[in-house]
Amino acid sequence: MTMRRVVWIALFWTLLLGLVALDYVKARAPHDRFAEPPPWALGHEASGRGGHCSSAPR
């Protein structure tokens, strides 16, 4: 293995681990995976009529 290749590999792993560490430090609150919209609803506005199917009939 050449010295140049070793430097690139070391740089890659240093940057990758640095980004993971930065993400870990910046995450203040634990991730709530149930607070996310379903995948097919990503990019759409929230509905103002939430829970309409569970309301009592008129």
C-alpha atoms as a PDB file:
ATOM      1  CA  MET A   1       0.000   0.000   0.000  1.00  0.00           C
ATOM      2  CA  THR A   2       1.398   3.378  -0.910  1.00  0.00           C
ATOM      3  CA  MET A   3       1.814   6.200   1.552  1.00  0.00           C
ATOM      4  CA  ARG A   4      -0.617   8.343  -0.416  1.00  0.00           C
ATOM      5  CA  ARG A   5      -3.339   5.723  -0.117  1.00  0.00           C
ATOM      6  CA  VAL A   6      -2.761   5.382   3.631  1.00  0.00           C
ATOM      7  CA  VAL A   7      -3.152   9.153   4.020  1.00  0.00           C
ATOM      8  CA  TRP A   8      -6.459   9.158   2.099  1.00  0.00           C
ATOM      9  CA  ILE A   9      -7.811   6.254   4.148  1.00  0.00           C
ATOM     10  CA  ALA A  10      -6.807   7.945   7.417  1.00  0.00           C
ATOM     11  CA  LEU A  11      -8.366  11.232   6.257  1.00  0.00           C
ATOM     12  CA  PHE A  12     -11.610   9.483   5.316  1.00  0.00           C
ATOM     13  CA  TRP A  13     -11.981   7.743   8.676  1.00  0.00           C
ATOM     14  CA  THR A  14     -10.994  10.869  10.601  1.00  0.00           C
ATOM     15  CA  LEU A  15     -13.647  12.934   8.813  1.00  0.00           C
ATOM     16  CA  LEU A  16     -16.295  10.230   9.143  1.00  0.00           C
ATOM     17  CA  LEU A  17     -15.734   9.741  12.860  1.00  0.00           C
ATOM     18  CA  GLY A  18     -15.537  13.507  13.348  1.00  0.00           C
ATOM     19  CA  LEU A  19     -18.928  14.005  11.692  1.00  0.00           C
ATOM     20  CA  VAL A  20     -20.478  11.228  13.774  1.00  0.00           C
ATOM     21  CA  ALA A  21     -19.038  12.774  16.948  1.00  0.00           C
ATOM     22  CA  LEU A  22     -20.294  16.238  15.935  1.00  0.00           C
ATOM     23  CA  ASP A  23     -23.775  14.852  15.273  1.00  0.00           C
ATOM     24  CA  TYR A  24     -23.765  13.089  18.638  1.00  0.00           C
ATOM     25  CA  VAL A  25     -22.709  16.250  20.478  1.00  0.00           C
ATOM     26  CA  LYS A  26     -25.222  18.495  18.663  1.00  0.00           C
ATOM     27  CA  ALA A  27     -28.205  16.198  19.331  1.00  0.00           C
ATOM     28  CA  ARG A  28     -29.764  17.748  22.425  1.00  0.00           C
ATOM     29  CA  ALA A  29     -33.045  15.851  22.759  1.00  0.00           C
ATOM     30  CA  PRO A  30     -33.566  12.140  22.156  1.00  0.00           C
ATOM     31  CA  HIS A  31     -35.119  11.317  18.813  1.00  0.00           C
ATOM     32  CA  ASP A  32     -38.855  10.539  18.951  1.00  0.00           C
ATOM     33  CA  ARG A  33     -39.486   8.341  15.931  1.00  0.00           C
ATOM     34  CA  PHE A  34     -43.245   8.378  16.513  1.00  0.00           C
ATOM     35  CA  ALA A  35     -43.450  12.164  16.037  1.00  0.00           C
ATOM     36  CA  GLU A  36     -42.583  11.872  12.337  1.00  0.00           C
ATOM     37  CA  PRO A  37     -45.119  11.743   9.517  1.00  0.00           C
ATOM     38  CA  PRO A  38     -45.458   8.527   7.525  1.00  0.00           C
ATOM     39  CA  PRO A  39     -43.112   8.312   4.489  1.00  0.00           C
ATOM     40  CA  TRP A  40     -45.905   8.946   1.969  1.00  0.00           C
ATOM     41  CA  ALA A  41     -46.821  12.221   3.735  1.00  0.00           C
ATOM     42  CA  LEU A  42     -43.346  13.783   3.682  1.00  0.00           C
ATOM     43  CA  GLY A  43     -43.339  17.229   2.115  1.00  0.00           C
ATOM     44  CA  HIS A  44     -47.055  17.894   2.645  1.00  0.00           C
ATOM     45  CA  GLU A  45     -48.581  20.396   5.007  1.00  0.00           C
ATOM     46  CA  ALA A  46     -50.181  19.228   8.225  1.00  0.00           C
ATOM     47  CA  SER A  47     -53.924  18.739   8.018  1.00  0.00           C
ATOM     48  CA  GLY A  48     -56.074  21.061  10.086  1.00  0.00           C
ATOM     49  CA  ARG A  49     -58.740  18.405  10.362  1.00  0.00           C
ATOM     50  CA  GLY A  50     -56.675  15.863  12.276  1.00  0.00           C
ATOM     51  CA  GLY A  51     -58.654  13.032  13.811  1.00  0.00           C
ATOM     52  CA  HIS A  52     -61.708  13.556  11.605  1.00  0.00           C
ATOM     53  CA  CYS A  53     -62.272   9.830  11.171  1.00  0.00           C
ATOM     54  CA  SER A  54     -62.571   9.289  14.927  1.00  0.00           C
ATOM     55  CA  SER A  55     -65.035  12.085  15.617  1.00  0.00           C
ATOM     56  CA  ALA A  56     -68.656  11.438  16.432  1.00  0.00           C
ATOM     57  CA  PRO A  57     -71.090  11.493  13.501  1.00  0.00           C
ATOM     58  CA  ARG A  58     -73.453  14.450  13.177  1.00  0.00           C
END
